[in-house]
Each structure stands twice: as structure tokens, then as C-alpha cells.
Amino acid sequence: MSEINQNQKEFWNGPGGEAWVVGQETLDAAMRPVTEVLLKAAAVKSTDRVMDIGCGTGETTLEVARTASAALGVDISKPMLALATDRAGELGLSNVQFEQRDVQGDALQSDTTLAMSRFGVMFFEDPVAAFANIRSQMAADGRLCFACWKSPRENEWVSLPMSVVRKHIQDDTPPDPLAPGPFAFADDKRIASILEEAGWRDINIAPTDFDMAWGESPEAAAHGLIERGPLRRIFVGDPSITEETKQTIIKGIQDALPPSEGGIFLKGAIWIVTAKAN
């Protein structure tokens, strides 16, 4: 197991997964515009056998299960899968399952007609191997549909808080844009190259912008951005950052947020990607 994969599994079974479980309702509300665009592009049919990759707490899996013949949500995060399973039970959906799988190498659902994902495909150490593995499980007419983030500078929910952080924390190490993480697929040409190498065809990559709801007040929005946004790893993973610096950053984010009438909204920018298995 590579260190990158290990780091991803530790994060999503630790602070990352826990934060998503706690903030499930807020996050699903923020992602609602993405979910709607994704499901429209996926065009789920009653005969579909769907596999939701990186399903998290299950929102998109549960949505497609209302239409599809069967829906399987896979993720590496136990805490998120546990919540997803509970949600399916509460809804009384018998055609949906959630399983802990590593899509890069594990056996998946055979004869899948639709493989989809809302922000769950950017974390593979070897994305070509992962998408080739997904394709190997597809039915002859199988199709792929996923949402992934464009660059951080095009996403205000990232660029705004990070502009505050840079005033107080100096980091001269440039991030690796190709490393597994939320923005690993920011380059549409890279997405196309990965999918082509993995054997997918008829690839289409379309940009979409939307407004993300982060809370009713600057205080709530700042809390959400820190707990479930790009600052989570910084606040949790860097012991050198003092509590005073953290509080200064939080106050700076609150002051930088747009007016809160009707709630705090920040721009999100994504790619909607579709392809065919054969």
C-alpha cells in the first residue's frame, strides 16, 4: 500500500470523514446544485445498475436509488459509510447497498450500467488504474458520469479563506497539482488523457459554476469552511499553528465574507464529465 493511499485512508477514516458526518446536512445543502446537474447528466434509468464512487454519506446514491434498479455506494471511509447505511434504512430503500472498497484495485460491482461520482474520483494515486478497473466492471453499454473541481482560484470557497490564511501562515512549498486531492482533476486535458488511457471513449467535459451555501451567518460559514473546507488539514494537521493564529484567521474569514442577507454563498466551479465504456 503506498503512503499516499495510506494517508488518504487515514484522513477519510479520521478527521476528514468525521467532519463530513457531522456536517452532512450542511454539505448536502451546499452541494445540492452539483447533485442536480450531475443527476441530469447521468440520466438514470429504471433499468440501471449504478455504482456511486466515493459516495461519502450517501446523498447521491440514495437519490439514484429512487429510480435505478440497484445502487451500490463505495467509499474508503467507514464513518461516512455507516451514516449512509443508516440513512438508507430510514428511507426504507431496499435496492441500495454501501460497501468499503478501494476503487483503484478492489473488485467492484459487475455489469454496472452507470458509474457516477460527486467529487469522489480525484483521490486515486494511480487514476488510470482506477478508471481502468471501473471500466472492467461495466456492462457493454456502460457509461460514466462524475463531477470534479476546477482550480482552487476558480472556487471562491477555497480562494477566499486561503487568501486570509496566507496573511498569517507562510508556506513556501508549492503544492503538487497532480497529487491525489480535491483539485487533482482541475485540468480538463489531464482528465481526458487519463480516461482515454483507461479505455473510455466519447469523453465530454463541460464547465459549470454554481453558488455554494455555507450558512446563515459569517460565523456559521467560517466554521463550515474550516471544518469541511480546505483549512481542515491545516487546522488539524499543523501543531505549530497557535490558537491565537487560528482565532485571527477565523475572524479574518468572517470579515472577508460577502454580505449575509439570505445566507452566505460562495462560488463553486466544476467539471461535469461523461464517457462511455465501449
C-alpha atoms as a PDB file:
ATOM      1  CA  MET A   1       0.000   0.000   0.000  1.00  0.00           C
ATOM      2  CA  SER A   2       1.500   3.348  -0.975  1.00  0.00           C
ATOM      3  CA  GLU A   3       1.949   6.124   1.537  1.00  0.00           C
ATOM      4  CA  ILE A   4      -0.367   8.408  -0.449  1.00  0.00           C
ATOM      5  CA  ASN A   5      -3.151   5.858  -0.369  1.00  0.00           C
ATOM      6  CA  GLN A   6      -2.475   5.253   3.304  1.00  0.00           C
ATOM      7  CA  ASN A   7      -2.675   8.972   4.024  1.00  0.00           C
ATOM      8  CA  GLN A   8      -5.986   9.212   2.188  1.00  0.00           C
ATOM      9  CA  LYS A   9      -7.434   6.275   4.098  1.00  0.00           C
ATOM     10  CA  GLU A  10      -6.255   7.638   7.432  1.00  0.00           C
ATOM     11  CA  PHE A  11      -7.701  11.075   6.692  1.00  0.00           C
ATOM     12  CA  TRP A  12     -11.106   9.859   5.495  1.00  0.00           C
ATOM     13  CA  ASN A  13     -11.389   7.357   8.335  1.00  0.00           C
ATOM     14  CA  GLY A  14     -10.277  10.059  10.777  1.00  0.00           C
ATOM     15  CA  PRO A  15     -10.799  13.831  10.844  1.00  0.00           C
ATOM     16  CA  GLY A  16     -11.943  14.164   7.222  1.00  0.00           C
ATOM     17  CA  GLY A  17     -14.665  11.536   7.468  1.00  0.00           C
ATOM     18  CA  GLU A  18     -15.751  12.684  10.912  1.00  0.00           C
ATOM     19  CA  ALA A  19     -16.152  16.271   9.708  1.00  0.00           C
ATOM     20  CA  TRP A  20     -18.318  15.150   6.783  1.00  0.00           C
ATOM     21  CA  VAL A  21     -20.507  13.036   9.075  1.00  0.00           C
ATOM     22  CA  VAL A  22     -21.055  15.921  11.477  1.00  0.00           C
ATOM     23  CA  GLY A  23     -21.723  18.366   8.643  1.00  0.00           C
ATOM     24  CA  GLN A  24     -23.709  16.030   6.392  1.00  0.00           C
ATOM     25  CA  GLU A  25     -26.855  18.153   6.163  1.00  0.00           C
ATOM     26  CA  THR A  26     -24.935  21.393   5.616  1.00  0.00           C
ATOM     27  CA  LEU A  27     -22.693  19.836   2.999  1.00  0.00           C
ATOM     28  CA  ASP A  28     -25.536  18.198   1.104  1.00  0.00           C
ATOM     29  CA  ALA A  29     -27.312  21.560   1.013  1.00  0.00           C
ATOM     30  CA  ALA A  30     -24.161  23.266  -0.276  1.00  0.00           C
ATOM     31  CA  MET A  31     -23.731  20.557  -2.915  1.00  0.00           C
ATOM     32  CA  ARG A  32     -27.391  20.444  -3.974  1.00  0.00           C
ATOM     33  CA  PRO A  33     -26.775  22.393  -7.225  1.00  0.00           C
ATOM     34  CA  VAL A  34     -23.985  19.944  -8.139  1.00  0.00           C
ATOM     35  CA  THR A  35     -26.184  16.956  -7.343  1.00  0.00           C
ATOM     36  CA  GLU A  36     -28.912  18.300  -9.619  1.00  0.00           C
ATOM     37  CA  VAL A  37     -26.548  18.934 -12.543  1.00  0.00           C
ATOM     38  CA  LEU A  38     -24.842  15.568 -12.038  1.00  0.00           C
ATOM     39  CA  LEU A  39     -28.103  13.607 -11.980  1.00  0.00           C
ATOM     40  CA  LYS A  40     -29.355  15.419 -15.064  1.00  0.00           C
ATOM     41  CA  ALA A  41     -26.172  14.467 -16.931  1.00  0.00           C
ATOM     42  CA  ALA A  42     -26.323  10.890 -15.610  1.00  0.00           C
ATOM     43  CA  ALA A  43     -29.917  10.418 -16.844  1.00  0.00           C
ATOM     44  CA  VAL A  44     -30.581   7.484 -14.523  1.00  0.00           C
ATOM     45  CA  LYS A  45     -32.961   4.852 -15.907  1.00  0.00           C
ATOM     46  CA  SER A  46     -35.138   2.343 -14.089  1.00  0.00           C
ATOM     47  CA  THR A  47     -33.032  -0.493 -15.507  1.00  0.00           C
ATOM     48  CA  ASP A  48     -29.688   0.961 -14.355  1.00  0.00           C
ATOM     49  CA  ARG A  49     -27.265  -0.803 -12.037  1.00  0.00           C
ATOM     50  CA  VAL A  50     -25.484   2.181 -10.539  1.00  0.00           C
ATOM     51  CA  MET A  51     -22.152   2.336  -8.754  1.00  0.00           C
ATOM     52  CA  ASP A  52     -21.532   5.574  -6.844  1.00  0.00           C
ATOM     53  CA  ILE A  53     -17.774   6.061  -6.411  1.00  0.00           C
ATOM     54  CA  GLY A  54     -16.588   7.854  -3.288  1.00  0.00           C
ATOM     55  CA  CYS A  55     -20.206   8.008  -2.158  1.00  0.00           C
ATOM     56  CA  GLY A  56     -19.427   9.548   1.234  1.00  0.00           C
ATOM     57  CA  THR A  57     -22.537   9.834   3.392  1.00  0.00           C
ATOM     58  CA  GLY A  58     -24.722   8.574   0.558  1.00  0.00           C
ATOM     59  CA  GLU A  59     -26.656  11.560  -0.746  1.00  0.00           C
ATOM     60  CA  THR A  60     -26.174  10.837  -4.458  1.00  0.00           C
ATOM     61  CA  THR A  61     -26.500   7.066  -4.001  1.00  0.00           C
ATOM     62  CA  LEU A  62     -29.827   7.496  -2.244  1.00  0.00           C
ATOM     63  CA  GLU A  63     -31.037   9.877  -4.938  1.00  0.00           C
ATOM     64  CA  VAL A  64     -30.331   7.453  -7.798  1.00  0.00           C
ATOM     65  CA  ALA A  65     -31.753   4.521  -5.812  1.00  0.00           C
ATOM     66  CA  ARG A  66     -35.174   6.142  -6.099  1.00  0.00           C
ATOM     67  CA  THR A  67     -35.057   5.474  -9.859  1.00  0.00           C
ATOM     68  CA  ALA A  68     -32.460   2.786 -10.571  1.00  0.00           C
ATOM     69  CA  SER A  69     -32.859  -0.960 -10.333  1.00  0.00           C
ATOM     70  CA  ALA A  70     -29.931  -1.191  -7.910  1.00  0.00           C
ATOM     71  CA  ALA A  71     -27.432   1.242  -6.408  1.00  0.00           C
ATOM     72  CA  LEU A  72     -24.104   0.471  -4.753  1.00  0.00           C
ATOM     73  CA  GLY A  73     -22.193   3.181  -2.918  1.00  0.00           C
ATOM     74  CA  VAL A  74     -18.478   2.543  -2.397  1.00  0.00           C
ATOM     75  CA  ASP A  75     -16.032   4.553  -0.318  1.00  0.00           C
ATOM     76  CA  ILE A  76     -12.916   4.102   1.824  1.00  0.00           C
ATOM     77  CA  SER A  77     -14.439   5.906   4.828  1.00  0.00           C
ATOM     78  CA  LYS A  78     -16.107   3.714   7.463  1.00  0.00           C
ATOM     79  CA  PRO A  79     -17.742   6.580   9.377  1.00  0.00           C
ATOM     80  CA  MET A  80     -19.303   8.034   6.251  1.00  0.00           C
ATOM     81  CA  LEU A  81     -20.499   4.627   5.040  1.00  0.00           C
ATOM     82  CA  ALA A  82     -22.075   3.930   8.439  1.00  0.00           C
ATOM     83  CA  LEU A  83     -24.127   7.118   8.188  1.00  0.00           C
ATOM     84  CA  ALA A  84     -25.048   6.344   4.570  1.00  0.00           C
ATOM     85  CA  THR A  85     -26.316   2.892   5.589  1.00  0.00           C
ATOM     86  CA  ASP A  86     -28.397   4.403   8.396  1.00  0.00           C
ATOM     87  CA  ARG A  87     -29.904   6.930   6.005  1.00  0.00           C
ATOM     88  CA  ALA A  88     -30.904   4.198   3.549  1.00  0.00           C
ATOM     89  CA  GLY A  89     -32.587   2.305   6.366  1.00  0.00           C
ATOM     90  CA  GLU A  90     -34.510   5.383   7.474  1.00  0.00           C
ATOM     91  CA  LEU A  91     -35.763   5.863   3.912  1.00  0.00           C
ATOM     92  CA  GLY A  92     -36.742   2.193   3.590  1.00  0.00           C
ATOM     93  CA  LEU A  93     -34.718   1.726   0.394  1.00  0.00           C
ATOM     94  CA  SER A  94     -34.056  -1.984  -0.192  1.00  0.00           C
ATOM     95  CA  ASN A  95     -32.257  -1.648  -3.541  1.00  0.00           C
ATOM     96  CA  VAL A  96     -29.219   0.214  -2.186  1.00  0.00           C
ATOM     97  CA  GLN A  97     -26.044  -1.032  -0.510  1.00  0.00           C
ATOM     98  CA  PHE A  98     -22.923   0.608   0.851  1.00  0.00           C
ATOM     99  CA  GLU A  99     -19.542  -1.124   0.952  1.00  0.00           C
ATOM    100  CA  GLN A 100     -15.994  -0.162   1.866  1.00  0.00           C
ATOM    101  CA  ARG A 101     -13.909  -0.556  -1.281  1.00  0.00           C
ATOM    102  CA  ASP A 102     -10.725   0.910  -2.761  1.00  0.00           C
ATOM    103  CA  VAL A 103     -11.746   1.576  -6.334  1.00  0.00           C
ATOM    104  CA  GLN A 104      -8.159   1.616  -7.542  1.00  0.00           C
ATOM    105  CA  GLY A 105      -7.730  -2.139  -7.103  1.00  0.00           C
ATOM    106  CA  ASP A 106     -10.671  -3.871  -5.431  1.00  0.00           C
ATOM    107  CA  ALA A 107     -13.317  -5.943  -7.189  1.00  0.00           C
ATOM    108  CA  LEU A 108     -16.412  -3.821  -7.699  1.00  0.00           C
ATOM    109  CA  GLN A 109     -19.964  -4.336  -8.983  1.00  0.00           C
ATOM    110  CA  SER A 110     -20.112  -6.412 -12.166  1.00  0.00           C
ATOM    111  CA  ASP A 111     -22.339  -5.375 -15.067  1.00  0.00           C
ATOM    112  CA  THR A 112     -22.601  -1.796 -13.844  1.00  0.00           C
ATOM    113  CA  THR A 113     -24.508   0.317 -16.363  1.00  0.00           C
ATOM    114  CA  LEU A 114     -23.721   3.677 -14.726  1.00  0.00           C
ATOM    115  CA  ALA A 115     -20.616   4.582 -12.729  1.00  0.00           C
ATOM    116  CA  MET A 116     -21.028   8.011 -11.189  1.00  0.00           C
ATOM    117  CA  SER A 117     -19.398  10.226  -8.598  1.00  0.00           C
ATOM    118  CA  ARG A 118     -19.845  13.577  -6.919  1.00  0.00           C
ATOM    119  CA  PHE A 119     -16.282  14.591  -6.034  1.00  0.00           C
ATOM    120  CA  GLY A 120     -15.088  11.072  -5.259  1.00  0.00           C
ATOM    121  CA  VAL A 121     -12.645  10.318  -8.080  1.00  0.00           C
ATOM    122  CA  MET A 122      -9.803  12.803  -7.517  1.00  0.00           C
ATOM    123  CA  PHE A 123      -8.031  10.904  -4.739  1.00  0.00           C
ATOM    124  CA  PHE A 124      -6.521   7.951  -6.621  1.00  0.00           C
ATOM    125  CA  GLU A 125      -2.750   7.504  -6.512  1.00  0.00           C
ATOM    126  CA  ASP A 126      -2.974   5.866  -9.951  1.00  0.00           C
ATOM    127  CA  PRO A 127      -6.080   7.315 -11.636  1.00  0.00           C
ATOM    128  CA  VAL A 128      -5.516   5.415 -14.890  1.00  0.00           C
ATOM    129  CA  ALA A 129      -5.546   2.111 -12.995  1.00  0.00           C
ATOM    130  CA  ALA A 130      -8.645   3.182 -11.068  1.00  0.00           C
ATOM    131  CA  PHE A 131     -10.642   4.166 -14.147  1.00  0.00           C
ATOM    132  CA  ALA A 132      -9.491   1.047 -15.975  1.00  0.00           C
ATOM    133  CA  ASN A 133     -10.698  -1.022 -13.009  1.00  0.00           C
ATOM    134  CA  ILE A 134     -14.056   0.753 -13.066  1.00  0.00           C
ATOM    135  CA  ARG A 135     -14.370   0.197 -16.817  1.00  0.00           C
ATOM    136  CA  SER A 136     -13.606  -3.523 -16.403  1.00  0.00           C
ATOM    137  CA  GLN A 137     -16.738  -3.862 -14.240  1.00  0.00           C
ATOM    138  CA  MET A 138     -19.052  -2.136 -16.713  1.00  0.00           C
ATOM    139  CA  ALA A 139     -21.779  -3.617 -18.852  1.00  0.00           C
ATOM    140  CA  ALA A 140     -21.329  -3.381 -22.630  1.00  0.00           C
ATOM    141  CA  ASP A 141     -23.384  -0.171 -22.759  1.00  0.00           C
ATOM    142  CA  GLY A 142     -21.942   1.198 -19.508  1.00  0.00           C
ATOM    143  CA  ARG A 143     -21.444   4.908 -19.046  1.00  0.00           C
ATOM    144  CA  LEU A 144     -19.521   7.179 -16.710  1.00  0.00           C
ATOM    145  CA  CYS A 145     -20.612  10.489 -15.190  1.00  0.00           C
ATOM    146  CA  PHE A 146     -18.814  12.451 -12.498  1.00  0.00           C
ATOM    147  CA  ALA A 147     -18.294  15.910 -11.049  1.00  0.00           C
ATOM    148  CA  CYS A 148     -14.848  17.204 -10.088  1.00  0.00           C
ATOM    149  CA  TRP A 149     -13.491  20.570  -9.006  1.00  0.00           C
ATOM    150  CA  LYS A 150     -11.847  23.067 -11.305  1.00  0.00           C
ATOM    151  CA  SER A 151      -8.822  25.001  -9.998  1.00  0.00           C
ATOM    152  CA  PRO A 152      -8.738  26.478  -6.463  1.00  0.00           C
ATOM    153  CA  ARG A 153      -8.537  30.028  -7.831  1.00  0.00           C
ATOM    154  CA  GLU A 154     -11.844  29.456  -9.674  1.00  0.00           C
ATOM    155  CA  ASN A 155     -13.517  28.258  -6.464  1.00  0.00           C
ATOM    156  CA  GLU A 156     -14.255  31.140  -4.126  1.00  0.00           C
ATOM    157  CA  TRP A 157     -14.922  28.779  -1.213  1.00  0.00           C
ATOM    158  CA  VAL A 158     -11.204  27.918  -1.458  1.00  0.00           C
ATOM    159  CA  SER A 159      -9.575  31.113  -2.689  1.00  0.00           C
ATOM    160  CA  LEU A 160     -11.267  33.397  -0.144  1.00  0.00           C
ATOM    161  CA  PRO A 161     -10.292  31.567   3.071  1.00  0.00           C
ATOM    162  CA  MET A 162      -6.839  30.726   1.692  1.00  0.00           C
ATOM    163  CA  SER A 163      -6.199  34.409   0.968  1.00  0.00           C
ATOM    164  CA  VAL A 164      -6.733  35.038   4.684  1.00  0.00           C
ATOM    165  CA  VAL A 165      -4.525  32.122   5.697  1.00  0.00           C
ATOM    166  CA  ARG A 166      -1.619  33.385   3.574  1.00  0.00           C
ATOM    167  CA  LYS A 167      -1.544  36.596   5.592  1.00  0.00           C
ATOM    168  CA  HIS A 168      -0.753  34.641   8.742  1.00  0.00           C
ATOM    169  CA  ILE A 169       0.893  31.370   7.690  1.00  0.00           C
ATOM    170  CA  GLN A 170       3.837  31.276   5.326  1.00  0.00           C
ATOM    171  CA  ASP A 171       4.277  28.139   3.250  1.00  0.00           C
ATOM    172  CA  ASP A 172       6.867  28.325   0.510  1.00  0.00           C
ATOM    173  CA  THR A 173       6.336  24.726  -0.623  1.00  0.00           C
ATOM    174  CA  PRO A 174       4.274  24.756  -3.832  1.00  0.00           C
ATOM    175  CA  PRO A 175       1.573  22.075  -3.854  1.00  0.00           C
ATOM    176  CA  ASP A 176       1.784  19.280  -6.394  1.00  0.00           C
ATOM    177  CA  PRO A 177      -1.213  19.907  -8.703  1.00  0.00           C
ATOM    178  CA  LEU A 178      -1.236  16.236  -9.748  1.00  0.00           C
ATOM    179  CA  ALA A 179      -1.196  14.781  -6.229  1.00  0.00           C
ATOM    180  CA  PRO A 180      -4.344  12.990  -5.026  1.00  0.00           C
ATOM    181  CA  GLY A 181      -6.698  15.576  -3.597  1.00  0.00           C
ATOM    182  CA  PRO A 182      -9.771  17.704  -4.330  1.00  0.00           C
ATOM    183  CA  PHE A 183      -8.143  19.575  -7.242  1.00  0.00           C
ATOM    184  CA  ALA A 184      -6.192  16.776  -8.911  1.00  0.00           C
ATOM    185  CA  PHE A 185      -8.601  16.938 -11.881  1.00  0.00           C
ATOM    186  CA  ALA A 186      -8.629  20.716 -12.287  1.00  0.00           C
ATOM    187  CA  ASP A 187      -7.043  20.371 -15.749  1.00  0.00           C
ATOM    188  CA  ASP A 188      -9.631  19.133 -18.248  1.00  0.00           C
ATOM    189  CA  LYS A 189      -6.903  17.985 -20.635  1.00  0.00           C
ATOM    190  CA  ARG A 190      -5.491  15.746 -17.911  1.00  0.00           C
ATOM    191  CA  ILE A 191      -8.945  14.278 -17.272  1.00  0.00           C
ATOM    192  CA  ALA A 192      -9.348  13.433 -20.944  1.00  0.00           C
ATOM    193  CA  SER A 193      -5.877  11.879 -21.128  1.00  0.00           C
ATOM    194  CA  ILE A 194      -6.495   9.690 -18.056  1.00  0.00           C
ATOM    195  CA  LEU A 195      -9.848   8.441 -19.318  1.00  0.00           C
ATOM    196  CA  GLU A 196      -8.527   7.760 -22.807  1.00  0.00           C
ATOM    197  CA  GLU A 197      -5.595   5.774 -21.430  1.00  0.00           C
ATOM    198  CA  ALA A 198      -8.021   3.808 -19.241  1.00  0.00           C
ATOM    199  CA  GLY A 199     -10.055   2.850 -22.342  1.00  0.00           C
ATOM    200  CA  TRP A 200     -13.069   5.172 -22.076  1.00  0.00           C
ATOM    201  CA  ARG A 201     -14.461   6.828 -25.207  1.00  0.00           C
ATOM    202  CA  ASP A 202     -16.859   9.618 -26.249  1.00  0.00           C
ATOM    203  CA  ILE A 203     -15.462  11.754 -23.438  1.00  0.00           C
ATOM    204  CA  ASN A 204     -17.207  15.059 -22.777  1.00  0.00           C
ATOM    205  CA  ILE A 205     -16.036  17.617 -20.200  1.00  0.00           C
ATOM    206  CA  ALA A 206     -18.311  20.594 -19.518  1.00  0.00           C
ATOM    207  CA  PRO A 207     -17.722  23.512 -17.106  1.00  0.00           C
ATOM    208  CA  THR A 208     -20.389  24.505 -14.597  1.00  0.00           C
ATOM    209  CA  ASP A 209     -20.463  27.279 -12.000  1.00  0.00           C
ATOM    210  CA  PHE A 210     -22.800  27.386  -9.023  1.00  0.00           C
ATOM    211  CA  ASP A 211     -23.342  29.114  -5.674  1.00  0.00           C
ATOM    212  CA  MET A 212     -22.489  27.143  -2.537  1.00  0.00           C
ATOM    213  CA  ALA A 213     -24.499  27.870   0.621  1.00  0.00           C
ATOM    214  CA  TRP A 214     -22.236  27.906   3.690  1.00  0.00           C
ATOM    215  CA  GLY A 215     -24.585  29.089   6.421  1.00  0.00           C
ATOM    216  CA  GLU A 216     -26.902  31.844   7.530  1.00  0.00           C
ATOM    217  CA  SER A 217     -24.186  33.979   9.148  1.00  0.00           C
ATOM    218  CA  PRO A 218     -20.474  34.756   8.704  1.00  0.00           C
ATOM    219  CA  GLU A 219     -19.779  32.841  11.907  1.00  0.00           C
ATOM    220  CA  ALA A 220     -21.533  29.702  10.637  1.00  0.00           C
ATOM    221  CA  ALA A 221     -19.893  29.977   7.219  1.00  0.00           C
ATOM    222  CA  ALA A 222     -16.405  30.419   8.677  1.00  0.00           C
ATOM    223  CA  HIS A 223     -16.940  27.388  10.896  1.00  0.00           C
ATOM    224  CA  GLY A 224     -18.066  25.301   7.909  1.00  0.00           C
ATOM    225  CA  LEU A 225     -15.147  26.415   5.739  1.00  0.00           C
ATOM    226  CA  ILE A 226     -12.694  25.454   8.467  1.00  0.00           C
ATOM    227  CA  GLU A 227     -14.293  22.152   9.426  1.00  0.00           C
ATOM    228  CA  ARG A 228     -15.134  20.912   5.929  1.00  0.00           C
ATOM    229  CA  GLY A 229     -13.199  23.135   3.569  1.00  0.00           C
ATOM    230  CA  PRO A 230      -9.540  23.494   2.579  1.00  0.00           C
ATOM    231  CA  LEU A 231      -8.423  24.635   6.033  1.00  0.00           C
ATOM    232  CA  ARG A 232      -9.299  21.380   7.784  1.00  0.00           C
ATOM    233  CA  ARG A 233      -5.920  19.793   7.134  1.00  0.00           C
ATOM    234  CA  ILE A 234      -4.121  22.986   8.163  1.00  0.00           C
ATOM    235  CA  PHE A 235      -6.010  23.468  11.418  1.00  0.00           C
ATOM    236  CA  VAL A 236      -5.901  19.796  12.404  1.00  0.00           C
ATOM    237  CA  GLY A 237      -2.589  18.693  10.937  1.00  0.00           C
ATOM    238  CA  ASP A 238      -0.179  21.511  11.803  1.00  0.00           C
ATOM    239  CA  PRO A 239       0.663  21.610  15.539  1.00  0.00           C
ATOM    240  CA  SER A 240       2.836  24.691  15.034  1.00  0.00           C
ATOM    241  CA  ILE A 241      -0.193  26.922  14.467  1.00  0.00           C
ATOM    242  CA  THR A 242      -1.150  28.603  17.734  1.00  0.00           C
ATOM    243  CA  GLU A 243      -4.694  29.021  18.965  1.00  0.00           C
ATOM    244  CA  GLU A 244      -4.245  32.785  18.697  1.00  0.00           C
ATOM    245  CA  THR A 245      -3.363  32.465  14.999  1.00  0.00           C
ATOM    246  CA  LYS A 246      -6.362  30.201  14.414  1.00  0.00           C
ATOM    247  CA  GLN A 247      -8.735  32.698  16.005  1.00  0.00           C
ATOM    248  CA  THR A 248      -7.205  35.526  13.979  1.00  0.00           C
ATOM    249  CA  ILE A 249      -7.748  33.526  10.782  1.00  0.00           C
ATOM    250  CA  ILE A 250     -11.340  32.741  11.723  1.00  0.00           C
ATOM    251  CA  LYS A 251     -12.047  36.431  12.358  1.00  0.00           C
ATOM    252  CA  GLY A 252     -10.363  37.334   9.075  1.00  0.00           C
ATOM    253  CA  ILE A 253     -12.538  34.885   7.149  1.00  0.00           C
ATOM    254  CA  GLN A 254     -15.687  36.214   8.766  1.00  0.00           C
ATOM    255  CA  ASP A 255     -14.739  39.782   7.839  1.00  0.00           C
ATOM    256  CA  ALA A 256     -13.906  38.766   4.240  1.00  0.00           C
ATOM    257  CA  LEU A 257     -17.199  37.003   3.567  1.00  0.00           C
ATOM    258  CA  PRO A 258     -19.846  38.714   1.415  1.00  0.00           C
ATOM    259  CA  PRO A 259     -22.972  40.273   2.989  1.00  0.00           C
ATOM    260  CA  SER A 260     -25.106  37.656   4.741  1.00  0.00           C
ATOM    261  CA  GLU A 261     -28.634  38.669   3.753  1.00  0.00           C
ATOM    262  CA  GLY A 262     -30.303  35.377   2.866  1.00  0.00           C
ATOM    263  CA  GLY A 263     -27.210  33.381   3.805  1.00  0.00           C
ATOM    264  CA  ILE A 264     -23.549  33.175   2.836  1.00  0.00           C
ATOM    265  CA  PHE A 265     -22.914  31.958  -0.714  1.00  0.00           C
ATOM    266  CA  LEU A 266     -19.531  31.394  -2.347  1.00  0.00           C
ATOM    267  CA  LYS A 267     -18.838  30.471  -5.964  1.00  0.00           C
ATOM    268  CA  GLY A 268     -18.031  26.883  -6.884  1.00  0.00           C
ATOM    269  CA  ALA A 269     -16.608  25.847 -10.255  1.00  0.00           C
ATOM    270  CA  ILE A 270     -16.650  22.261 -11.504  1.00  0.00           C
ATOM    271  CA  TRP A 271     -16.337  19.961 -14.494  1.00  0.00           C
ATOM    272  CA  ILE A 272     -19.137  17.547 -15.381  1.00  0.00           C
ATOM    273  CA  VAL A 273     -17.505  14.616 -17.146  1.00  0.00           C
ATOM    274  CA  THR A 274     -19.246  11.894 -19.137  1.00  0.00           C
ATOM    275  CA  ALA A 275     -17.872   8.952 -21.107  1.00  0.00           C
ATOM    276  CA  LYS A 276     -18.772   5.525 -22.443  1.00  0.00           C
ATOM    277  CA  ALA A 277     -17.153   2.211 -21.570  1.00  0.00           C
ATOM    278  CA  ASN A 278     -17.251   0.817 -25.126  1.00  0.00           C
END
